[in-house]
Amino acid sequence: MSPTDSATYERLEKDVTAVKNDIAALTDQITDALNNFAGTAGKQARRGYKQARANAEAAMDDMSERGSAMMDAAQDAASSIEESLEDVITQRPLATVGLALGVGFLIGAMWRR
């Protein structure tokens, strides 16, 4: 091998080594970037899950409160009707008995058909 060939070979060997080192560094950079991306995506997914869970819990609490309010309103209405009926029965007992007999007669007549 001539000295020129030897120098060219050494230069080529250094260039190949430099390219190998550059590829290794690029591989490390890509790996770091992918790991960072995966970590960020995981954090965002966890954040989204926590937010969705909080929203669902808030909706359930709201529905529970509305259900309680509706039950209270229904109990108040039933109590009001009961009080009104008691007042009518107390004030007009004969009319109430007559109305009850009339309704019973109508139901009996319809039942026969």
C-alpha atoms as a PDB file:
ATOM      1  CA  MET A   1       0.000   0.000   0.000  1.00  0.00           C
ATOM      2  CA  SER A   2       1.340   3.399  -0.908  1.00  0.00           C
ATOM      3  CA  PRO A   3       1.526   6.254   1.576  1.00  0.00           C
ATOM      4  CA  THR A   4      -1.250   8.048  -0.269  1.00  0.00           C
ATOM      5  CA  ASP A   5      -3.470   5.022  -0.025  1.00  0.00           C
ATOM      6  CA  SER A   6      -2.644   4.713   3.669  1.00  0.00           C
ATOM      7  CA  ALA A   7      -3.505   8.377   4.320  1.00  0.00           C
ATOM      8  CA  THR A   8      -6.739   8.060   2.347  1.00  0.00           C
ATOM      9  CA  TYR A   9      -7.631   4.900   4.249  1.00  0.00           C
ATOM     10  CA  GLU A  10      -6.996   6.632   7.616  1.00  0.00           C
ATOM     11  CA  ARG A  11      -9.050   9.652   6.537  1.00  0.00           C
ATOM     12  CA  LEU A  12     -11.869   7.370   5.414  1.00  0.00           C
ATOM     13  CA  GLU A  13     -11.662   5.451   8.673  1.00  0.00           C
ATOM     14  CA  LYS A  14     -11.909   8.729  10.652  1.00  0.00           C
ATOM     15  CA  ASP A  15     -14.858   9.854   8.506  1.00  0.00           C
ATOM     16  CA  VAL A  16     -16.675   6.530   9.043  1.00  0.00           C
ATOM     17  CA  THR A  17     -16.023   6.767  12.793  1.00  0.00           C
ATOM     18  CA  ALA A  18     -17.354  10.355  12.815  1.00  0.00           C
ATOM     19  CA  VAL A  19     -20.474   9.270  10.907  1.00  0.00           C
ATOM     20  CA  LYS A  20     -20.980   6.375  13.352  1.00  0.00           C
ATOM     21  CA  ASN A  21     -20.656   8.799  16.295  1.00  0.00           C
ATOM     22  CA  ASP A  22     -23.094  11.226  14.634  1.00  0.00           C
ATOM     23  CA  ILE A  23     -25.593   8.406  14.071  1.00  0.00           C
ATOM     24  CA  ALA A  24     -25.242   7.287  17.706  1.00  0.00           C
ATOM     25  CA  ALA A  25     -25.783  10.866  18.931  1.00  0.00           C
ATOM     26  CA  LEU A  26     -28.800  11.262  16.627  1.00  0.00           C
ATOM     27  CA  THR A  27     -30.212   7.963  17.908  1.00  0.00           C
ATOM     28  CA  ASP A  28     -29.823   9.187  21.501  1.00  0.00           C
ATOM     29  CA  GLN A  29     -31.555  12.472  20.637  1.00  0.00           C
ATOM     30  CA  ILE A  30     -34.451  10.646  18.946  1.00  0.00           C
ATOM     31  CA  THR A  31     -34.791   8.286  21.913  1.00  0.00           C
ATOM     32  CA  ASP A  32     -34.866  11.224  24.350  1.00  0.00           C
ATOM     33  CA  ALA A  33     -37.433  13.035  22.207  1.00  0.00           C
ATOM     34  CA  LEU A  34     -39.664   9.931  22.059  1.00  0.00           C
ATOM     35  CA  ASN A  35     -39.370   9.390  25.818  1.00  0.00           C
ATOM     36  CA  ASN A  36     -40.283  13.031  26.468  1.00  0.00           C
ATOM     37  CA  PHE A  37     -43.216  12.773  24.075  1.00  0.00           C
ATOM     38  CA  ALA A  38     -44.452   9.577  25.727  1.00  0.00           C
ATOM     39  CA  GLY A  39     -44.116  11.153  29.175  1.00  0.00           C
ATOM     40  CA  THR A  40     -45.998  14.258  28.089  1.00  0.00           C
ATOM     41  CA  ALA A  41     -48.720  12.201  26.412  1.00  0.00           C
ATOM     42  CA  GLY A  42     -49.096  10.086  29.551  1.00  0.00           C
ATOM     43  CA  LYS A  43     -49.376  13.180  31.733  1.00  0.00           C
ATOM     44  CA  GLN A  44     -51.981  14.680  29.417  1.00  0.00           C
ATOM     45  CA  ALA A  45     -53.956  11.428  29.410  1.00  0.00           C
ATOM     46  CA  ARG A  46     -53.892  11.288  33.213  1.00  0.00           C
ATOM     47  CA  ARG A  47     -54.915  14.956  33.397  1.00  0.00           C
ATOM     48  CA  GLY A  48     -57.780  14.301  30.953  1.00  0.00           C
ATOM     49  CA  TYR A  49     -58.930  11.271  32.957  1.00  0.00           C
ATOM     50  CA  LYS A  50     -58.889  13.234  36.202  1.00  0.00           C
ATOM     51  CA  GLN A  51     -60.836  16.087  34.596  1.00  0.00           C
ATOM     52  CA  ALA A  52     -63.421  13.697  33.140  1.00  0.00           C
ATOM     53  CA  ARG A  53     -63.798  11.986  36.515  1.00  0.00           C
ATOM     54  CA  ALA A  54     -64.243  15.344  38.272  1.00  0.00           C
ATOM     55  CA  ASN A  55     -66.859  16.362  35.697  1.00  0.00           C
ATOM     56  CA  ALA A  56     -68.735  13.086  36.157  1.00  0.00           C
ATOM     57  CA  GLU A  57     -68.680  13.461  39.941  1.00  0.00           C
ATOM     58  CA  ALA A  58     -69.930  17.058  39.663  1.00  0.00           C
ATOM     59  CA  ALA A  59     -72.744  15.936  37.357  1.00  0.00           C
ATOM     60  CA  MET A  60     -73.732  13.161  39.775  1.00  0.00           C
ATOM     61  CA  ASP A  61     -73.733  15.607  42.688  1.00  0.00           C
ATOM     62  CA  ASP A  62     -75.876  18.027  40.683  1.00  0.00           C
ATOM     63  CA  MET A  63     -78.318  15.257  39.746  1.00  0.00           C
ATOM     64  CA  SER A  64     -78.491  14.159  43.368  1.00  0.00           C
ATOM     65  CA  GLU A  65     -79.241  17.700  44.500  1.00  0.00           C
ATOM     66  CA  ARG A  66     -81.927  18.081  41.836  1.00  0.00           C
ATOM     67  CA  GLY A  67     -83.454  14.744  42.799  1.00  0.00           C
ATOM     68  CA  SER A  68     -83.535  15.791  46.440  1.00  0.00           C
ATOM     69  CA  ALA A  69     -85.138  19.103  45.511  1.00  0.00           C
ATOM     70  CA  MET A  70     -87.769  17.305  43.422  1.00  0.00           C
ATOM     71  CA  MET A  71     -88.513  14.885  46.265  1.00  0.00           C
ATOM     72  CA  ASP A  72     -88.872  17.787  48.676  1.00  0.00           C
ATOM     73  CA  ALA A  73     -91.224  19.564  46.261  1.00  0.00           C
ATOM     74  CA  ALA A  74     -93.292  16.378  45.803  1.00  0.00           C
ATOM     75  CA  GLN A  75     -93.515  15.865  49.575  1.00  0.00           C
ATOM     76  CA  ASP A  76     -94.555  19.501  50.046  1.00  0.00           C
ATOM     77  CA  ALA A  77     -97.225  19.140  47.349  1.00  0.00           C
ATOM     78  CA  ALA A  78     -98.540  15.909  48.884  1.00  0.00           C
ATOM     79  CA  SER A  79     -98.590  17.506  52.305  1.00  0.00           C
ATOM     80  CA  SER A  80    -100.418  20.540  50.917  1.00  0.00           C
ATOM     81  CA  ILE A  81    -103.025  18.335  49.214  1.00  0.00           C
ATOM     82  CA  GLU A  82    -103.473  16.351  52.407  1.00  0.00           C
ATOM     83  CA  GLU A  83    -103.974  19.513  54.420  1.00  0.00           C
ATOM     84  CA  SER A  84    -106.455  20.854  51.845  1.00  0.00           C
ATOM     85  CA  LEU A  85    -108.434  17.608  51.954  1.00  0.00           C
ATOM     86  CA  GLU A  86    -108.476  17.662  55.735  1.00  0.00           C
ATOM     87  CA  ASP A  87    -109.761  21.237  55.664  1.00  0.00           C
ATOM     88  CA  VAL A  88    -112.529  20.374  53.167  1.00  0.00           C
ATOM     89  CA  ILE A  89    -113.551  17.271  55.131  1.00  0.00           C
ATOM     90  CA  THR A  90    -113.590  19.237  58.367  1.00  0.00           C
ATOM     91  CA  GLN A  91    -115.553  22.175  56.904  1.00  0.00           C
ATOM     92  CA  ARG A  92    -118.043  20.135  54.821  1.00  0.00           C
ATOM     93  CA  PRO A  93    -118.321  16.567  56.088  1.00  0.00           C
ATOM     94  CA  LEU A  94    -121.715  15.829  54.481  1.00  0.00           C
ATOM     95  CA  ALA A  95    -120.647  17.107  51.074  1.00  0.00           C
ATOM     96  CA  THR A  96    -117.497  15.007  51.280  1.00  0.00           C
ATOM     97  CA  VAL A  97    -119.460  11.855  52.147  1.00  0.00           C
ATOM     98  CA  GLY A  98    -121.892  12.585  49.295  1.00  0.00           C
ATOM     99  CA  LEU A  99    -119.020  13.098  46.846  1.00  0.00           C
ATOM    100  CA  ALA A 100    -117.388   9.861  47.968  1.00  0.00           C
ATOM    101  CA  LEU A 101    -120.676   7.957  47.506  1.00  0.00           C
ATOM    102  CA  GLY A 102    -121.162   9.481  44.039  1.00  0.00           C
ATOM    103  CA  VAL A 103    -117.625   8.579  42.928  1.00  0.00           C
ATOM    104  CA  GLY A 104    -118.088   5.065  44.303  1.00  0.00           C
ATOM    105  CA  PHE A 105    -121.395   4.709  42.424  1.00  0.00           C
ATOM    106  CA  LEU A 106    -119.777   5.861  39.147  1.00  0.00           C
ATOM    107  CA  ILE A 107    -116.865   3.453  39.558  1.00  0.00           C
ATOM    108  CA  GLY A 108    -119.305   0.616  40.311  1.00  0.00           C
ATOM    109  CA  ALA A 109    -121.438   1.445  37.256  1.00  0.00           C
ATOM    110  CA  MET A 110    -118.382   1.517  35.013  1.00  0.00           C
ATOM    111  CA  TRP A 111    -117.096  -1.713  36.528  1.00  0.00           C
ATOM    112  CA  ARG A 112    -120.281  -3.606  35.545  1.00  0.00           C
ATOM    113  CA  ARG A 113    -119.832  -2.793  31.861  1.00  0.00           C
END
